[in-house]
Amino acid sequence: MQVSVNARVGQTILVRVLDAAYSQIKVTFPVDVVITAFDGRGLGVPPFNRYNSPFTLKAGTPYELTTARRFDALIRSDVPVDSFANIEYRHSFDGRVLFNGRIPIRIS
């Protein structure tokens, strides 16, 4: 992939994930991330904060998006990480895997 995350332990990293493909994607992070926004709207922000709030997506838990959707995730690790976020591109109609991508995440 053309993008990588390189950070220091304790730094906070913002990752914006966008499904700009004509397919569904499944994103899996190697560390816990906090989802803070969806489709450009902050979670837990007035006037709709009574209905939503940021949430933690545990490491290894896939998160699925459809075309033209996006979310913001914060990564903050107190331990070194040398792994990859995996992206699985799936056909919108039958769900078959079309392509796999990996984004390096290095926190030292």
Protein backbone atom coordinates (compact mmCIF):
# COMPACT_ATOMS: atom_id res chain seq x y z
CA MET A 1 0.00 0.00 0.00
CA GLN A 2 1.11 3.58 -0.49
CA VAL A 3 0.32 4.63 3.07
CA SER A 4 1.94 3.63 6.34
CA VAL A 5 1.59 4.67 9.97
CA ASN A 6 4.86 5.42 11.77
CA ALA A 7 4.57 6.79 15.29
CA ARG A 8 6.06 6.69 18.76
CA VAL A 9 4.61 4.87 21.75
CA GLY A 10 2.05 7.12 23.45
CA GLN A 11 1.34 9.27 20.38
CA THR A 12 -2.23 9.61 19.16
CA ILE A 13 -2.75 8.88 15.48
CA LEU A 14 -5.86 9.84 13.50
CA VAL A 15 -6.74 7.46 10.69
CA ARG A 16 -9.55 8.34 8.28
CA VAL A 17 -10.87 5.31 6.43
CA LEU A 18 -12.84 5.90 3.23
CA ASP A 19 -14.45 3.29 1.01
CA ALA A 20 -13.88 4.98 -2.37
CA ALA A 21 -14.21 1.71 -4.28
CA TYR A 22 -17.29 0.27 -5.92
CA SER A 23 -17.16 -2.57 -3.44
CA GLN A 24 -17.58 -3.24 0.24
CA ILE A 25 -14.52 -3.21 2.46
CA LYS A 26 -13.70 -4.94 5.71
CA VAL A 27 -10.97 -3.23 7.79
CA THR A 28 -9.18 -5.00 10.64
CA PHE A 29 -6.70 -3.15 12.88
CA PRO A 30 -3.95 -4.91 14.87
CA VAL A 31 -4.56 -2.63 17.88
CA ASP A 32 -7.59 -1.19 19.63
CA VAL A 33 -8.93 1.93 17.91
CA VAL A 34 -11.53 4.45 19.04
CA ILE A 35 -14.08 5.32 16.35
CA THR A 36 -14.77 9.05 16.80
CA ALA A 37 -16.69 10.01 13.65
CA PHE A 38 -18.78 8.43 10.94
CA ASP A 39 -19.50 10.02 7.56
CA GLY A 40 -18.06 13.35 8.70
CA ARG A 41 -20.14 13.60 11.86
CA GLY A 42 -18.42 13.46 15.21
CA LEU A 43 -19.83 10.84 17.56
CA GLY A 44 -20.91 12.21 20.94
CA VAL A 45 -21.06 15.79 19.63
CA PRO A 46 -24.15 18.00 20.08
CA PRO A 47 -26.88 18.20 18.97
CA PHE A 48 -27.06 14.40 18.48
CA ASN A 49 -24.83 13.33 21.38
CA ARG A 50 -27.82 11.76 23.15
CA TYR A 51 -27.98 9.18 20.35
CA ASN A 52 -24.35 8.22 19.75
CA SER A 53 -20.88 8.28 21.27
CA PRO A 54 -17.32 7.26 20.34
CA PHE A 55 -16.64 3.56 20.79
CA THR A 56 -13.67 1.22 20.99
CA LEU A 57 -13.12 -1.31 18.26
CA LYS A 58 -11.00 -4.11 19.71
CA ALA A 59 -7.88 -5.31 17.92
CA GLY A 60 -8.65 -8.00 15.35
CA THR A 61 -12.34 -7.05 15.08
CA PRO A 62 -13.35 -6.45 11.44
CA TYR A 63 -15.32 -3.29 10.63
CA GLU A 64 -17.31 -3.18 7.39
CA LEU A 65 -18.06 -0.21 5.14
CA THR A 66 -20.00 0.24 1.92
CA THR A 67 -19.20 2.56 -0.96
CA ALA A 68 -18.82 6.28 -0.13
CA ARG A 69 -18.81 5.74 3.66
CA ARG A 70 -16.02 6.82 5.97
CA PHE A 71 -15.00 6.80 9.61
CA ASP A 72 -12.31 8.37 11.78
CA ALA A 73 -10.34 6.22 14.19
CA LEU A 74 -7.83 7.17 16.87
CA ILE A 75 -4.91 4.85 17.60
CA ARG A 76 -2.89 5.24 20.78
CA SER A 77 -0.66 2.42 21.95
CA ASP A 78 1.43 2.28 25.12
CA VAL A 79 3.42 -0.67 23.74
CA PRO A 80 5.39 -1.06 20.49
CA VAL A 81 3.46 -2.35 17.47
CA ASP A 82 4.91 -3.73 14.23
CA SER A 83 1.98 -5.10 12.28
CA PHE A 84 -0.55 -4.35 9.54
CA ALA A 85 -4.11 -3.14 9.20
CA ASN A 86 -5.81 -5.47 6.73
CA ILE A 87 -8.35 -4.34 4.17
CA GLU A 88 -10.50 -6.85 2.36
CA TYR A 89 -12.36 -5.62 -0.73
CA ARG A 90 -15.56 -7.59 -1.34
CA HIS A 91 -17.93 -7.72 -4.27
CA SER A 92 -21.04 -5.66 -3.48
CA PHE A 93 -23.49 -8.28 -4.76
CA ASP A 94 -22.13 -11.71 -3.87
CA GLY A 95 -19.57 -10.84 -1.13
CA ARG A 96 -16.64 -12.67 -2.73
CA VAL A 97 -13.17 -11.31 -1.96
CA LEU A 98 -11.78 -9.25 -4.85
CA PHE A 99 -8.54 -7.91 -3.37
CA ASN A 100 -6.63 -7.69 -0.11
CA GLY A 101 -4.56 -4.74 1.08
CA ARG A 102 -2.27 -4.21 4.05
CA ILE A 103 -1.24 -0.95 5.69
CA PRO A 104 1.90 -1.08 7.85
CA ILE A 105 1.44 0.19 11.40
CA ARG A 106 4.70 0.72 13.27
CA ILE A 107 4.70 2.24 16.72
CA SER A 108 8.09 2.27 18.41
